[in-house]
């Protein structure tokens, strides 16, 4: 009876279980279309500004090389990040608050370049995201995968989370995006079409783990078995000594 009770509880750590006969949302060609991320509220941005059309990046006079040959005496510089506030604006040094919400990185760079041109001669602006990420749960373990590039695909995220091992169900992968849930089967070649979809920041990827009812039930009940074995041993020893 105890073993049956243990076996009945082995599903307690399963997540995102869909209701019966749930089909999920189908992936479309639009889900695989390459597009740029838009700057949104609560994003963090990294900013670099150079003068003379980015001359410092090209380094024509070897200034950067000289810095690297100092023997590493200078501590690594921590790049500041800038928060996109609730009204879609970002506060930068010198130019103050600038409305960037809803723009692509390229559009924002052009706008910031125009602002910094008031202070630098022919400035060159580099802007990037610092907190775009996707969450992977289930068989690969709990991981937060940073999206270093735009247009990262589902199959890349799974690979970055060490793939699907022997304890994962390749035919039962769920991608949760807001209120939409995609059920994806990666056990077939046809499933690669679904895995080709573009990941969006904030997505949750769940790979359902393979369950082993008897093994997991026995493991959960092992403390009880250990106590019963100890009590049985004590009783047997007591009986033998009494005789």
Protein backbone atom coordinates (compact mmCIF):
# COMPACT_ATOMS: atom_id res chain seq x y z
CA UNK A 1 0.00 0.00 0.00
CA UNK A 2 2.84 2.38 0.88
CA UNK A 3 4.58 1.59 -2.38
CA UNK A 4 1.42 2.34 -4.34
CA UNK A 5 1.08 5.63 -2.52
CA UNK A 6 4.68 6.46 -3.40
CA UNK A 7 4.14 5.59 -7.05
CA UNK A 8 1.04 7.78 -7.19
CA UNK A 9 3.05 10.85 -6.16
CA UNK A 10 5.90 10.56 -8.65
CA UNK A 11 4.36 13.23 -10.91
CA UNK A 12 4.45 15.90 -8.24
CA UNK A 13 7.32 17.82 -9.86
CA UNK A 14 5.84 17.93 -13.38
CA UNK A 15 5.13 21.47 -14.57
CA UNK A 16 2.80 23.14 -17.06
CA UNK A 17 0.54 20.11 -17.47
CA UNK A 18 -2.03 20.93 -20.17
CA UNK A 19 -5.68 19.97 -19.74
CA UNK A 20 -7.00 16.85 -21.43
CA UNK A 21 -7.27 17.06 -25.25
CA UNK A 22 -5.23 20.29 -25.27
CA UNK A 23 -3.82 20.79 -28.79
CA UNK A 24 -1.71 23.88 -28.22
CA UNK A 25 -1.01 26.65 -30.71
CA UNK A 26 0.45 25.67 -34.08
CA UNK A 27 3.69 27.22 -35.26
CA UNK A 28 3.51 29.20 -38.50
CA UNK A 29 5.97 30.64 -40.99
CA UNK A 30 5.59 33.98 -39.21
CA UNK A 31 7.09 32.44 -36.07
CA UNK A 32 10.29 31.72 -38.02
CA UNK A 33 10.52 35.16 -39.63
CA UNK A 34 13.69 37.07 -38.80
CA UNK A 35 12.96 40.38 -37.10
CA UNK A 36 14.65 42.77 -34.72
CA UNK A 37 13.86 43.01 -31.02
CA UNK A 38 12.13 46.18 -29.93
CA UNK A 39 13.23 48.18 -26.92
CA UNK A 40 10.70 47.64 -24.14
CA UNK A 41 10.02 48.84 -20.61
CA UNK A 42 12.45 47.37 -18.02
CA UNK A 43 15.09 46.58 -20.64
CA UNK A 44 18.67 47.43 -19.72
CA UNK A 45 20.87 48.93 -22.44
CA UNK A 46 24.62 49.27 -22.84
CA UNK A 47 25.92 52.39 -24.55
CA UNK A 48 29.29 53.23 -26.10
CA UNK A 49 29.99 56.55 -27.78
CA UNK A 50 33.03 57.31 -29.96
CA UNK A 51 34.10 60.44 -31.78
CA UNK A 52 35.33 60.84 -35.36
CA UNK A 53 32.99 58.21 -36.83
CA UNK A 54 34.27 55.51 -34.49
CA UNK A 55 37.98 56.15 -34.94
CA UNK A 56 38.70 54.70 -31.51
CA UNK A 57 37.21 51.34 -32.56
CA UNK A 58 39.40 51.14 -35.68
CA UNK A 59 42.40 52.30 -33.62
CA UNK A 60 44.55 53.81 -36.41
CA UNK A 61 47.27 55.01 -34.05
CA UNK A 62 47.53 51.86 -31.93
CA UNK A 63 46.15 53.47 -28.80
CA UNK A 64 44.17 50.38 -27.80
CA UNK A 65 47.18 48.14 -28.30
CA UNK A 66 49.22 50.33 -25.97
CA UNK A 67 46.52 50.02 -23.30
CA UNK A 68 46.59 46.23 -23.56
CA UNK A 69 50.39 46.16 -23.11
CA UNK A 70 50.29 47.80 -19.69
CA UNK A 71 50.49 44.39 -18.07
CA UNK A 72 46.89 44.30 -16.89
CA UNK A 73 47.59 46.77 -14.09
CA UNK A 74 44.34 48.60 -14.69
CA UNK A 75 41.22 46.91 -13.41
CA UNK A 76 38.63 45.86 -15.96
CA UNK A 77 36.15 48.64 -16.52
CA UNK A 78 32.54 47.85 -15.60
CA UNK A 79 30.21 49.09 -18.29
CA UNK A 80 27.15 50.93 -16.94
CA UNK A 81 23.67 49.90 -18.01
CA UNK A 82 20.68 52.16 -18.55
CA UNK A 83 17.10 51.26 -17.64
CA UNK A 84 14.13 51.80 -19.94
CA UNK A 85 11.58 53.35 -17.57
CA UNK A 86 7.83 52.88 -17.52
CA UNK A 87 7.29 55.78 -19.94
CA UNK A 88 9.74 54.32 -22.49
CA UNK A 89 12.51 56.84 -21.83
CA UNK A 90 16.15 56.20 -20.91
CA UNK A 91 18.33 58.61 -18.96
CA UNK A 92 21.85 58.92 -20.40
CA UNK A 93 24.78 61.06 -19.30
CA UNK A 94 25.08 64.48 -20.95
CA UNK A 95 21.98 64.22 -23.17
CA UNK A 96 19.48 63.37 -20.41
CA UNK A 97 16.26 61.40 -20.97
CA UNK A 98 15.55 60.11 -24.48
CA UNK A 99 12.40 58.27 -25.62
CA UNK A 100 13.53 54.92 -27.09
CA UNK A 101 10.62 52.61 -26.28
CA UNK A 102 9.33 50.66 -29.28
CA UNK A 103 12.46 51.29 -31.38
CA UNK A 104 14.92 48.77 -32.77
CA UNK A 105 18.54 49.03 -31.69
CA UNK A 106 19.50 50.56 -35.04
CA UNK A 107 16.76 53.21 -34.83
CA UNK A 108 17.79 54.07 -31.28
CA UNK A 109 21.46 54.35 -32.30
CA UNK A 110 20.58 56.85 -35.00
CA UNK A 111 18.54 58.92 -32.56
CA UNK A 112 21.28 58.89 -29.92
CA UNK A 113 23.90 59.74 -32.53
CA UNK A 114 21.98 62.88 -33.41
CA UNK A 115 21.84 63.82 -29.71
CA UNK A 116 25.54 63.20 -29.05
CA UNK A 117 26.55 65.09 -32.19
CA UNK A 118 25.87 68.20 -30.14
CA UNK A 119 28.83 67.27 -27.92
CA UNK A 120 31.14 65.19 -30.09
CA UNK A 121 32.41 65.63 -33.63
CA UNK A 122 30.91 63.03 -35.98
CA UNK A 123 30.13 60.64 -33.15
CA UNK A 124 29.59 56.91 -33.53
CA UNK A 125 27.12 55.15 -31.19
CA UNK A 126 26.93 51.46 -30.25
CA UNK A 127 23.86 50.31 -28.31
CA UNK A 128 23.04 46.78 -27.15
CA UNK A 129 20.68 44.88 -24.86
CA UNK A 130 22.07 43.47 -21.63
CA UNK A 131 19.13 41.57 -20.13
CA UNK A 132 17.23 39.78 -22.91
CA UNK A 133 16.84 36.14 -21.84
CA UNK A 134 14.78 32.96 -22.02
CA UNK A 135 14.03 30.43 -19.25
CA UNK A 136 14.57 26.68 -19.79
CA UNK A 137 12.97 24.24 -17.34
CA UNK A 138 12.37 20.52 -17.04
CA UNK A 139 14.82 17.88 -18.20
CA UNK A 140 17.80 20.24 -18.80
CA UNK A 141 17.32 21.71 -15.32
CA UNK A 142 16.42 25.28 -14.42
CA UNK A 143 18.51 27.60 -16.58
CA UNK A 144 18.30 31.22 -17.66
CA UNK A 145 19.80 31.54 -21.15
CA UNK A 146 20.92 35.08 -22.09
CA UNK A 147 20.04 36.09 -25.64
CA UNK A 148 23.32 37.59 -26.75
CA UNK A 149 22.11 37.86 -30.34
CA UNK A 150 18.78 38.66 -31.94
CA UNK A 151 16.77 36.03 -33.84
CA UNK A 152 17.92 33.06 -31.77
CA UNK A 153 15.96 29.92 -32.68
CA UNK A 154 14.39 27.35 -30.36
CA UNK A 155 16.81 24.59 -31.36
CA UNK A 156 19.74 26.89 -30.46
CA UNK A 157 18.31 27.57 -27.00
CA UNK A 158 17.88 23.83 -26.37
CA UNK A 159 21.48 23.27 -27.49
CA UNK A 160 22.73 26.04 -25.17
CA UNK A 161 20.93 24.32 -22.27
CA UNK A 162 22.92 21.10 -23.01
CA UNK A 163 20.23 19.54 -25.15
CA UNK A 164 17.71 16.83 -24.35
CA UNK A 165 19.26 13.91 -22.46
CA UNK A 166 18.00 10.39 -21.82
CA UNK A 167 15.74 11.75 -19.08
CA UNK A 168 13.88 14.14 -21.38
CA UNK A 169 10.95 13.66 -23.75
CA UNK A 170 11.91 15.04 -27.14
CA UNK A 171 8.34 14.60 -28.32
CA UNK A 172 6.95 16.79 -25.54
CA UNK A 173 8.54 20.23 -25.60
CA UNK A 174 6.42 23.21 -24.63
CA UNK A 175 7.13 26.82 -25.43
CA UNK A 176 5.13 29.28 -23.35
CA UNK A 177 4.85 32.83 -24.68
CA UNK A 178 2.48 34.96 -22.66
CA UNK A 179 -0.92 33.31 -22.95
CA UNK A 180 0.11 31.17 -25.94
CA UNK A 181 1.42 27.61 -25.51
CA UNK A 182 3.15 25.73 -28.34
CA UNK A 183 3.45 21.92 -28.18
CA UNK A 184 6.50 20.83 -30.15
CA UNK A 185 7.59 17.33 -31.18
CA UNK A 186 11.35 17.14 -31.78
CA UNK A 187 11.45 13.36 -32.08
CA UNK A 188 10.82 13.49 -35.85
CA UNK A 189 12.40 15.28 -38.80
CA UNK A 190 9.13 17.13 -39.37
CA UNK A 191 9.49 18.57 -35.87
CA UNK A 192 12.54 20.60 -36.94
CA UNK A 193 10.13 23.01 -38.63
CA UNK A 194 8.71 23.84 -35.22
CA UNK A 195 12.18 24.06 -33.69
CA UNK A 196 13.04 26.66 -36.32
CA UNK A 197 10.80 29.25 -34.67
CA UNK A 198 12.39 32.45 -33.39
CA UNK A 199 12.66 32.77 -29.61
CA UNK A 200 11.36 35.97 -28.07
CA UNK A 201 12.72 37.45 -24.83
CA UNK A 202 10.73 36.18 -21.85
CA UNK A 203 9.77 32.86 -23.47
CA UNK A 204 9.69 29.74 -21.28
CA UNK A 205 10.91 26.46 -22.79
CA UNK A 206 9.89 23.31 -20.91
CA UNK A 207 11.19 19.84 -21.78
CA UNK A 208 9.08 17.29 -19.92
CA UNK A 209 11.27 14.80 -18.05
CA UNK A 210 10.82 11.05 -18.43
CA UNK A 211 9.13 9.53 -15.41
CA UNK A 212 10.07 6.18 -13.85
CA UNK A 213 7.19 5.45 -11.44
CA UNK A 214 8.60 2.39 -9.66
CA UNK A 215 12.12 3.78 -9.23
CA UNK A 216 10.95 7.20 -8.05
CA UNK A 217 8.30 5.70 -5.78
CA UNK A 218 10.85 3.39 -4.19
CA UNK A 219 13.25 6.29 -3.73
CA UNK A 220 10.59 8.39 -2.01
CA UNK A 221 9.75 5.50 0.33
CA UNK A 222 13.35 4.50 1.05
CA UNK A 223 13.38 6.30 4.45
CA UNK A 224 10.30 4.30 5.51
CA UNK A 225 11.89 1.04 4.34
CA UNK A 226 15.05 1.92 6.25
CA UNK A 227 13.11 2.50 9.46
CA UNK A 228 11.14 -0.76 9.03
CA UNK A 229 14.35 -2.68 8.36
CA UNK A 230 15.97 -1.22 11.48
CA UNK A 231 12.94 -2.10 13.62
CA UNK A 232 12.83 -5.63 12.18
CA UNK A 233 16.53 -6.08 12.94
CA UNK A 234 16.07 -4.93 16.53
CA UNK A 235 13.08 -7.26 17.02
CA UNK A 236 14.95 -10.26 15.57
CA UNK A 237 17.98 -9.59 17.76
CA UNK A 238 15.75 -9.25 20.83
CA UNK A 239 13.98 -12.53 20.09
CA UNK A 240 17.26 -14.39 19.52
CA UNK A 241 18.70 -13.13 22.79
CA UNK A 242 15.49 -14.01 24.66
CA UNK A 243 15.76 -17.62 23.48
